[in-house]
PDB file of N, CA and C in Angstrom:
ATOM      1  N   MET A   1     -10.131   6.617  -6.958  1.00  0.00           N
ATOM      2  CA  MET A   1     -10.445   6.235  -5.599  1.00  0.00           C
ATOM      3  C   MET A   1      -9.423   6.888  -4.669  1.00  0.00           C
ATOM      4  N   HIS A   2      -9.882   7.471  -3.588  1.00  0.00           N
ATOM      5  CA  HIS A   2      -8.993   8.061  -2.594  1.00  0.00           C
ATOM      6  C   HIS A   2      -8.743   7.070  -1.461  1.00  0.00           C
ATOM      7  N   ILE A   3      -7.509   7.069  -0.952  1.00  0.00           N
ATOM      8  CA  ILE A   3      -7.146   6.210   0.170  1.00  0.00           C
ATOM      9  C   ILE A   3      -6.457   7.054   1.232  1.00  0.00           C
ATOM     10  N   PRO A   4      -6.516   6.605   2.495  1.00  0.00           N
ATOM     11  CA  PRO A   4      -5.790   7.298   3.549  1.00  0.00           C
ATOM     12  C   PRO A   4      -4.279   7.144   3.353  1.00  0.00           C
ATOM     13  N   CYS A   5      -3.564   8.242   3.552  1.00  0.00           N
ATOM     14  CA  CYS A   5      -2.116   8.215   3.457  1.00  0.00           C
ATOM     15  C   CYS A   5      -1.549   9.300   4.366  1.00  0.00           C
ATOM     16  N   ALA A   6      -0.252   9.216   4.644  1.00  0.00           N
ATOM     17  CA  ALA A   6       0.413  10.225   5.479  1.00  0.00           C
ATOM     18  C   ALA A   6       1.915  10.131   5.272  1.00  0.00           C
ATOM     19  N   LYS A   7       2.575  11.231   5.571  1.00  0.00           N
ATOM     20  CA  LYS A   7       4.043  11.272   5.578  1.00  0.00           C
ATOM     21  C   LYS A   7       4.487  11.602   6.994  1.00  0.00           C
ATOM     22  N   GLY A   8       5.557  10.946   7.432  1.00  0.00           N
ATOM     23  CA  GLY A   8       6.088  11.215   8.762  1.00  0.00           C
ATOM     24  C   GLY A   8       5.083  10.879   9.848  1.00  0.00           C
ATOM     25  N   ASP A   9       4.969  11.777  10.846  1.00  0.00           N
ATOM     26  CA  ASP A   9       4.086  11.549  11.984  1.00  0.00           C
ATOM     27  C   ASP A   9       2.664  12.047  11.757  1.00  0.00           C
ATOM     28  N   ALA A  10       2.364  12.560  10.584  1.00  0.00           N
ATOM     29  CA  ALA A  10       1.026  13.093  10.295  1.00  0.00           C
ATOM     30  C   ALA A  10      -0.019  11.987  10.398  1.00  0.00           C
ATOM     31  N   ALA A  11      -1.237  12.379  10.743  1.00  0.00           N
ATOM     32  CA  ALA A  11      -2.352  11.434  10.796  1.00  0.00           C
ATOM     33  C   ALA A  11      -2.758  11.027   9.384  1.00  0.00           C
ATOM     34  N   LEU A  12      -3.255   9.807   9.243  1.00  0.00           N
ATOM     35  CA  LEU A  12      -3.748   9.352   7.950  1.00  0.00           C
ATOM     36  C   LEU A  12      -4.949  10.195   7.536  1.00  0.00           C
ATOM     37  N   ALA A  13      -4.990  10.585   6.272  1.00  0.00           N
ATOM     38  CA  ALA A  13      -6.106  11.334   5.698  1.00  0.00           C
ATOM     39  C   ALA A  13      -6.314  10.846   4.277  1.00  0.00           C
ATOM     40  N   ALA A  14      -7.542  10.838   3.806  1.00  0.00           N
ATOM     41  CA  ALA A  14      -7.881  10.314   2.470  1.00  0.00           C
ATOM     42  C   ALA A  14      -7.468  11.302   1.388  1.00  0.00           C
ATOM     43  N   ASP A  15      -6.156  11.531   1.280  1.00  0.00           N
ATOM     44  CA  ASP A  15      -5.603  12.519   0.359  1.00  0.00           C
ATOM     45  C   ASP A  15      -4.932  11.926  -0.873  1.00  0.00           C
ATOM     46  N   CYS A  16      -4.670  10.623  -0.876  1.00  0.00           N
ATOM     47  CA  CYS A  16      -3.969   9.995  -1.995  1.00  0.00           C
ATOM     48  C   CYS A  16      -4.965   9.304  -2.916  1.00  0.00           C
ATOM     49  N   THR A  17      -4.574   9.182  -4.176  1.00  0.00           N
ATOM     50  CA  THR A  17      -5.378   8.418  -5.121  1.00  0.00           C
ATOM     51  C   THR A  17      -4.629   7.148  -5.477  1.00  0.00           C
ATOM     52  N   ILE A  18      -5.379   6.149  -5.907  1.00  0.00           N
ATOM     53  CA  ILE A  18      -4.776   4.867  -6.256  1.00  0.00           C
ATOM     54  C   ILE A  18      -5.303   4.412  -7.609  1.00  0.00           C
ATOM     55  N   GLU A  19      -4.395   3.906  -8.428  1.00  0.00           N
ATOM     56  CA  GLU A  19      -4.732   3.373  -9.744  1.00  0.00           C
ATOM     57  C   GLU A  19      -4.231   1.939  -9.807  1.00  0.00           C
ATOM     58  N   GLN A  20      -4.937   1.100 -10.529  1.00  0.00           N
ATOM     59  CA  GLN A  20      -4.572  -0.302 -10.671  1.00  0.00           C
ATOM     60  C   GLN A  20      -4.341  -0.622 -12.136  1.00  0.00           C
ATOM     61  N   ALA A  21      -3.259  -1.353 -12.421  1.00  0.00           N
ATOM     62  CA  ALA A  21      -2.959  -1.780 -13.783  1.00  0.00           C
ATOM     63  C   ALA A  21      -2.407  -3.200 -13.749  1.00  0.00           C
ATOM     64  N   SER A  22      -2.708  -3.965 -14.778  1.00  0.00           N
ATOM     65  CA  SER A  22      -2.158  -5.311 -14.909  1.00  0.00           C
ATOM     66  C   SER A  22      -0.935  -5.251 -15.807  1.00  0.00           C
ATOM     67  N   GLY A  23       0.116  -5.928 -15.369  1.00  0.00           N
ATOM     68  CA  GLY A  23       1.347  -5.966 -16.149  1.00  0.00           C
ATOM     69  C   GLY A  23       1.876  -7.384 -16.208  1.00  0.00           C
ATOM     70  N   PRO A  24       3.058  -7.571 -16.777  1.00  0.00           N
ATOM     71  CA  PRO A  24       3.625  -8.918 -16.907  1.00  0.00           C
ATOM     72  C   PRO A  24       3.922  -9.574 -15.562  1.00  0.00           C
ATOM     73  N   ASP A  25       4.128  -8.755 -14.520  1.00  0.00           N
ATOM     74  CA  ASP A  25       4.410  -9.294 -13.190  1.00  0.00           C
ATOM     75  C   ASP A  25       3.178  -9.305 -12.294  1.00  0.00           C
ATOM     76  N   GLY A  26       2.005  -9.058 -12.858  1.00  0.00           N
ATOM     77  CA  GLY A  26       0.774  -9.066 -12.084  1.00  0.00           C
ATOM     78  C   GLY A  26       0.190  -7.672 -11.928  1.00  0.00           C
ATOM     79  N   ILE A  27      -0.599  -7.503 -10.881  1.00  0.00           N
ATOM     80  CA  ILE A  27      -1.273  -6.226 -10.636  1.00  0.00           C
ATOM     81  C   ILE A  27      -0.316  -5.248  -9.968  1.00  0.00           C
ATOM     82  N   VAL A  28      -0.247  -4.046 -10.519  1.00  0.00           N
ATOM     83  CA  VAL A  28       0.583  -2.979  -9.962  1.00  0.00           C
ATOM     84  C   VAL A  28      -0.330  -1.832  -9.549  1.00  0.00           C
ATOM     85  N   LEU A  29      -0.167  -1.363  -8.313  1.00  0.00           N
ATOM     86  CA  LEU A  29      -0.919  -0.229  -7.796  1.00  0.00           C
ATOM     87  C   LEU A  29      -0.021   1.000  -7.830  1.00  0.00           C
ATOM     88  N   THR A  30      -0.525   2.099  -8.348  1.00  0.00           N
ATOM     89  CA  THR A  30       0.199   3.366  -8.316  1.00  0.00           C
ATOM     90  C   THR A  30      -0.549   4.284  -7.359  1.00  0.00           C
ATOM     91  N   ILE A  31       0.133   4.699  -6.312  1.00  0.00           N
ATOM     92  CA  ILE A  31      -0.450   5.594  -5.311  1.00  0.00           C
ATOM     93  C   ILE A  31       0.146   6.968  -5.533  1.00  0.00           C
ATOM     94  N   ARG A  32      -0.719   7.956  -5.718  1.00  0.00           N
ATOM     95  CA  ARG A  32      -0.283   9.320  -5.991  1.00  0.00           C
ATOM     96  C   ARG A  32      -0.606  10.234  -4.816  1.00  0.00           C
ATOM     97  N   HIS A  33       0.434  10.979  -4.388  1.00  0.00           N
ATOM     98  CA  HIS A  33       0.270  11.968  -3.327  1.00  0.00           C
ATOM     99  C   HIS A  33      -0.248  13.267  -3.932  1.00  0.00           C
ATOM    100  N   PRO A  34      -0.968  14.078  -3.148  1.00  0.00           N
ATOM    101  CA  PRO A  34      -1.502  15.334  -3.681  1.00  0.00           C
ATOM    102  C   PRO A  34      -0.404  16.289  -4.147  1.00  0.00           C
ATOM    103  N   GLY A  35       0.798  16.188  -3.599  1.00  0.00           N
ATOM    104  CA  GLY A  35       1.898  17.066  -3.982  1.00  0.00           C
ATOM    105  C   GLY A  35       2.636  16.621  -5.232  1.00  0.00           C
ATOM    106  N   GLY A  36       2.231  15.490  -5.831  1.00  0.00           N
ATOM    107  CA  GLY A  36       2.839  15.057  -7.078  1.00  0.00           C
ATOM    108  C   GLY A  36       3.712  13.822  -6.974  1.00  0.00           C
ATOM    109  N   GLY A  37       4.119  13.404  -5.774  1.00  0.00           N
ATOM    110  CA  GLY A  37       4.919  12.198  -5.637  1.00  0.00           C
ATOM    111  C   GLY A  37       4.059  10.961  -5.815  1.00  0.00           C
ATOM    112  N   PHE A  38       4.695   9.820  -6.041  1.00  0.00           N
ATOM    113  CA  PHE A  38       3.942   8.572  -6.187  1.00  0.00           C
ATOM    114  C   PHE A  38       4.788   7.392  -5.761  1.00  0.00           C
ATOM    115  N   ARG A  39       4.111   6.288  -5.477  1.00  0.00           N
ATOM    116  CA  ARG A  39       4.740   4.998  -5.172  1.00  0.00           C
ATOM    117  C   ARG A  39       4.020   3.931  -5.972  1.00  0.00           C
ATOM    118  N   ARG A  40       4.782   2.887  -6.345  1.00  0.00           N
ATOM    119  CA  ARG A  40       4.187   1.746  -7.042  1.00  0.00           C
ATOM    120  C   ARG A  40       4.366   0.502  -6.173  1.00  0.00           C
ATOM    121  N   LEU A  41       3.282  -0.257  -6.048  1.00  0.00           N
ATOM    122  CA  LEU A  41       3.283  -1.501  -5.285  1.00  0.00           C
ATOM    123  C   LEU A  41       2.772  -2.626  -6.169  1.00  0.00           C
ATOM    124  N   ARG A  42       3.368  -3.808  -6.011  1.00  0.00           N
ATOM    125  CA  ARG A  42       2.913  -4.984  -6.752  1.00  0.00           C
ATOM    126  C   ARG A  42       2.151  -5.886  -5.791  1.00  0.00           C
ATOM    127  N   VAL A  43       0.950  -6.294  -6.184  1.00  0.00           N
ATOM    128  CA  VAL A  43       0.121  -7.190  -5.381  1.00  0.00           C
ATOM    129  C   VAL A  43       0.709  -8.588  -5.482  1.00  0.00           C
ATOM    130  N   THR A  44       0.872  -9.252  -4.338  1.00  0.00           N
ATOM    131  CA  THR A  44       1.439 -10.599  -4.328  1.00  0.00           C
ATOM    132  C   THR A  44       0.346 -11.643  -4.154  1.00  0.00           C
ATOM    133  N   ALA A  45       0.639 -12.862  -4.504  1.00  0.00           N
ATOM    134  CA  ALA A  45      -0.291 -13.971  -4.329  1.00  0.00           C
ATOM    135  C   ALA A  45       0.184 -14.911  -3.218  1.00  0.00           C
ATOM    136  N   ASP A  46       1.253 -14.523  -2.502  1.00  0.00           N
ATOM    137  CA  ASP A  46       1.833 -15.414  -1.499  1.00  0.00           C
ATOM    138  C   ASP A  46       1.464 -15.046  -0.064  1.00  0.00           C
ATOM    139  N   GLY A  47       0.483 -14.156   0.101  1.00  0.00           N
ATOM    140  CA  GLY A  47       0.027 -13.809   1.439  1.00  0.00           C
ATOM    141  C   GLY A  47       0.669 -12.570   2.039  1.00  0.00           C
ATOM    142  N   ARG A  48       1.679 -11.994   1.371  1.00  0.00           N
ATOM    143  CA  ARG A  48       2.323 -10.792   1.911  1.00  0.00           C
ATOM    144  C   ARG A  48       1.499  -9.544   1.666  1.00  0.00           C
ATOM    145  N   GLY A  49       0.592  -9.582   0.710  1.00  0.00           N
ATOM    146  CA  GLY A  49      -0.227  -8.416   0.378  1.00  0.00           C
ATOM    147  C   GLY A  49       0.353  -7.653  -0.783  1.00  0.00           C
ATOM    148  N   VAL A  50       1.348  -6.810  -0.514  1.00  0.00           N
ATOM    149  CA  VAL A  50       2.011  -6.026  -1.558  1.00  0.00           C
ATOM    150  C   VAL A  50       3.500  -5.938  -1.263  1.00  0.00           C
ATOM    151  N   VAL A  51       4.267  -5.673  -2.310  1.00  0.00           N
ATOM    152  CA  VAL A  51       5.699  -5.395  -2.195  1.00  0.00           C
ATOM    153  C   VAL A  51       5.989  -4.172  -3.048  1.00  0.00           C
ATOM    154  N   ALA A  52       7.096  -3.516  -2.771  1.00  0.00           N
ATOM    155  CA  ALA A  52       7.488  -2.370  -3.586  1.00  0.00           C
ATOM    156  C   ALA A  52       7.740  -2.845  -5.009  1.00  0.00           C
ATOM    157  N   ALA A  53       7.187  -2.141  -5.985  1.00  0.00           N
ATOM    158  CA  ALA A  53       7.361  -2.520  -7.387  1.00  0.00           C
ATOM    159  C   ALA A  53       8.632  -1.924  -7.968  1.00  0.00           C
ATOM    160  N   ASP A  54       9.171  -0.909  -7.324  1.00  0.00           N
ATOM    161  CA  ASP A  54      10.425  -0.303  -7.775  1.00  0.00           C
ATOM    162  C   ASP A  54      11.069   0.399  -6.585  1.00  0.00           C
ATOM    163  N   GLY A  55      12.322   0.779  -6.750  1.00  0.00           N
ATOM    164  CA  GLY A  55      13.035   1.450  -5.665  1.00  0.00           C
ATOM    165  C   GLY A  55      13.676   0.463  -4.717  1.00  0.00           C
ATOM    166  N   ALA A  56      14.492   0.981  -3.814  1.00  0.00           N
ATOM    167  CA  ALA A  56      15.257   0.145  -2.904  1.00  0.00           C
ATOM    168  C   ALA A  56      14.542  -0.119  -1.587  1.00  0.00           C
ATOM    169  N   GLU A  57      13.540   0.687  -1.241  1.00  0.00           N
ATOM    170  CA  GLU A  57      12.855   0.523   0.032  1.00  0.00           C
ATOM    171  C   GLU A  57      11.873  -0.634  -0.019  1.00  0.00           C
ATOM    172  N   GLN A  58      11.833  -1.414   1.060  1.00  0.00           N
ATOM    173  CA  GLN A  58      10.894  -2.519   1.149  1.00  0.00           C
ATOM    174  C   GLN A  58       9.598  -2.039   1.778  1.00  0.00           C
ATOM    175  N   ALA A  59       8.498  -2.590   1.320  1.00  0.00           N
ATOM    176  CA  ALA A  59       7.192  -2.282   1.898  1.00  0.00           C
ATOM    177  C   ALA A  59       7.025  -3.097   3.177  1.00  0.00           C
ATOM    178  N   ARG A  60       6.631  -2.414   4.258  1.00  0.00           N
ATOM    179  CA  ARG A  60       6.314  -3.078   5.520  1.00  0.00           C
ATOM    180  C   ARG A  60       4.788  -3.101   5.642  1.00  0.00           C
ATOM    181  N   VAL A  61       4.230  -4.317   5.728  1.00  0.00           N
ATOM    182  CA  VAL A  61       2.780  -4.497   5.725  1.00  0.00           C
ATOM    183  C   VAL A  61       2.327  -4.976   7.094  1.00  0.00           C
ATOM    184  N   THR A  62       1.275  -4.325   7.637  1.00  0.00           N
ATOM    185  CA  THR A  62       0.633  -4.772   8.867  1.00  0.00           C
ATOM    186  C   THR A  62      -0.869  -4.818   8.626  1.00  0.00           C
ATOM    187  N   VAL A  63      -1.555  -5.558   9.486  1.00  0.00           N
ATOM    188  CA  VAL A  63      -3.006  -5.716   9.361  1.00  0.00           C
ATOM    189  C   VAL A  63      -3.656  -5.022  10.557  1.00  0.00           C
ATOM    190  N   PRO A  64      -4.246  -3.819  10.336  1.00  0.00           N
ATOM    191  CA  PRO A  64      -4.869  -3.104  11.451  1.00  0.00           C
ATOM    192  C   PRO A  64      -6.253  -3.635  11.805  1.00  0.00           C
ATOM    193  N   GLY A  65      -6.894  -4.313  10.875  1.00  0.00           N
ATOM    194  CA  GLY A  65      -8.239  -4.850  11.109  1.00  0.00           C
ATOM    195  C   GLY A  65      -8.770  -5.477   9.847  1.00  0.00           C
ATOM    196  N   ALA A  66      -9.956  -6.001   9.940  1.00  0.00           N
ATOM    197  CA  ALA A  66     -10.569  -6.693   8.802  1.00  0.00           C
ATOM    198  C   ALA A  66     -10.761  -5.743   7.631  1.00  0.00           C
ATOM    199  N   GLY A  67     -10.367  -6.206   6.448  1.00  0.00           N
ATOM    200  CA  GLY A  67     -10.627  -5.458   5.228  1.00  0.00           C
ATOM    201  C   GLY A  67      -9.588  -4.427   4.844  1.00  0.00           C
ATOM    202  N   ASN A  68      -8.503  -4.313   5.628  1.00  0.00           N
ATOM    203  CA  ASN A  68      -7.461  -3.314   5.322  1.00  0.00           C
ATOM    204  C   ASN A  68      -6.075  -3.850   5.634  1.00  0.00           C
ATOM    205  N   ILE A  69      -5.096  -3.292   4.934  1.00  0.00           N
ATOM    206  CA  ILE A  69      -3.694  -3.469   5.318  1.00  0.00           C
ATOM    207  C   ILE A  69      -3.063  -2.085   5.377  1.00  0.00           C
ATOM    208  N   ASP A  70      -2.111  -1.920   6.278  1.00  0.00           N
ATOM    209  CA  ASP A  70      -1.308  -0.705   6.332  1.00  0.00           C
ATOM    210  C   ASP A  70       0.035  -1.009   5.692  1.00  0.00           C
ATOM    211  N   VAL A  71       0.481  -0.119   4.834  1.00  0.00           N
ATOM    212  CA  VAL A  71       1.745  -0.294   4.122  1.00  0.00           C
ATOM    213  C   VAL A  71       2.615   0.916   4.411  1.00  0.00           C
ATOM    214  N   ALA A  72       3.868   0.669   4.818  1.00  0.00           N
ATOM    215  CA  ALA A  72       4.816   1.750   5.073  1.00  0.00           C
ATOM    216  C   ALA A  72       6.008   1.576   4.140  1.00  0.00           C
ATOM    217  N   LEU A  73       6.400   2.677   3.512  1.00  0.00           N
ATOM    218  CA  LEU A  73       7.591   2.732   2.655  1.00  0.00           C
ATOM    219  C   LEU A  73       8.357   3.972   3.088  1.00  0.00           C
ATOM    220  N   GLY A  74       9.495   3.784   3.736  1.00  0.00           N
ATOM    221  CA  GLY A  74      10.214   4.938   4.256  1.00  0.00           C
ATOM    222  C   GLY A  74       9.346   5.639   5.286  1.00  0.00           C
ATOM    223  N   THR A  75       9.130   6.943   5.112  1.00  0.00           N
ATOM    224  CA  THR A  75       8.293   7.706   6.041  1.00  0.00           C
ATOM    225  C   THR A  75       6.858   7.850   5.557  1.00  0.00           C
ATOM    226  N   GLU A  76       6.520   7.202   4.459  1.00  0.00           N
ATOM    227  CA  GLU A  76       5.173   7.296   3.893  1.00  0.00           C
ATOM    228  C   GLU A  76       4.356   6.083   4.307  1.00  0.00           C
ATOM    229  N   ARG A  77       3.072   6.339   4.630  1.00  0.00           N
ATOM    230  CA  ARG A  77       2.175   5.274   5.091  1.00  0.00           C
ATOM    231  C   ARG A  77       0.866   5.330   4.311  1.00  0.00           C
ATOM    232  N   TYR A  78       0.301   4.137   4.080  1.00  0.00           N
ATOM    233  CA  TYR A  78      -0.931   4.013   3.302  1.00  0.00           C
ATOM    234  C   TYR A  78      -1.832   2.979   3.949  1.00  0.00           C
ATOM    235  N   ARG A  79      -3.143   3.180   3.881  1.00  0.00           N
ATOM    236  CA  ARG A  79      -4.117   2.167   4.295  1.00  0.00           C
ATOM    237  C   ARG A  79      -4.858   1.746   3.039  1.00  0.00           C
ATOM    238  N   LEU A  80      -4.705   0.467   2.691  1.00  0.00           N
ATOM    239  CA  LEU A  80      -5.285  -0.069   1.465  1.00  0.00           C
ATOM    240  C   LEU A  80      -6.394  -1.057   1.777  1.00  0.00           C
ATOM    241  N   PRO A  81      -7.456  -1.049   0.975  1.00  0.00           N
ATOM    242  CA  PRO A  81      -8.465  -2.098   1.124  1.00  0.00           C
ATOM    243  C   PRO A  81      -7.851  -3.424   0.701  1.00  0.00           C
ATOM    244  N   ALA A  82      -8.170  -4.495   1.433  1.00  0.00           N
ATOM    245  CA  ALA A  82      -7.577  -5.794   1.110  1.00  0.00           C
ATOM    246  C   ALA A  82      -8.444  -6.899   1.666  1.00  0.00           C
ATOM    247  N   THR A  83      -8.364  -8.044   1.037  1.00  0.00           N
ATOM    248  CA  THR A  83      -8.973  -9.243   1.571  1.00  0.00           C
ATOM    249  C   THR A  83      -7.904  -9.889   2.451  1.00  0.00           C
ATOM    250  N   VAL A  84      -8.183  -9.921   3.744  1.00  0.00           N
ATOM    251  CA  VAL A  84      -7.193 -10.424   4.704  1.00  0.00           C
ATOM    252  C   VAL A  84      -7.564 -11.858   5.071  1.00  0.00           C
ATOM    253  N   ARG A  85      -6.597 -12.747   4.918  1.00  0.00           N
ATOM    254  CA  ARG A  85      -6.817 -14.146   5.255  1.00  0.00           C
ATOM    255  C   ARG A  85      -6.939 -14.315   6.768  1.00  0.00           C
ATOM    256  N   ALA A  86      -7.735 -15.278   7.198  1.00  0.00           N
ATOM    257  CA  ALA A  86      -7.882 -15.568   8.626  1.00  0.00           C
ATOM    258  C   ALA A  86      -6.515 -15.891   9.224  1.00  0.00           C
ATOM    259  N   GLY A  87      -6.212 -15.304  10.369  1.00  0.00           N
ATOM    260  CA  GLY A  87      -4.944 -15.555  11.049  1.00  0.00           C
ATOM    261  C   GLY A  87      -3.809 -14.688  10.576  1.00  0.00           C
ATOM    262  N   ALA A  88      -4.020 -13.817   9.594  1.00  0.00           N
ATOM    263  CA  ALA A  88      -2.943 -12.941   9.101  1.00  0.00           C
ATOM    264  C   ALA A  88      -2.631 -11.888  10.144  1.00  0.00           C
ATOM    265  N   THR A  89      -1.340 -11.644  10.355  1.00  0.00           N
ATOM    266  CA  THR A  89      -0.924 -10.627  11.315  1.00  0.00           C
ATOM    267  C   THR A  89      -0.027  -9.596  10.694  1.00  0.00           C
ATOM    268  N   GLY A  90       0.289  -9.742   9.445  1.00  0.00           N
ATOM    269  CA  GLY A  90       1.207  -8.804   8.780  1.00  0.00           C
ATOM    270  C   GLY A  90       2.634  -9.235   8.968  1.00  0.00           C
ATOM    271  N   SER A  91       3.597  -8.451   8.440  1.00  0.00           N
ATOM    272  CA  SER A  91       5.009  -8.810   8.547  1.00  0.00           C
ATOM    273  C   SER A  91       5.824  -7.604   8.863  1.00  0.00           C
TER     274      SER A  91
END
């Protein structure tokens, strides 16, 4: 599955792929950039959406509209499909 992603000030484009796997800590998403880089995110059950599964950078999550969340890690940005709870505004 392709998802919109971007680095820096670039516009989001459906250039990244996403894989889902279940592990001991729950669902882990691996997002792969076309140039070979990747990020791992862990899906949370506490309403935050996702958190960084590894590394020192924290995932910043916002809700741009129904059915999606935007996730930023450093200068990289992703738009992920998500079930957004009523009243959610992101963090």
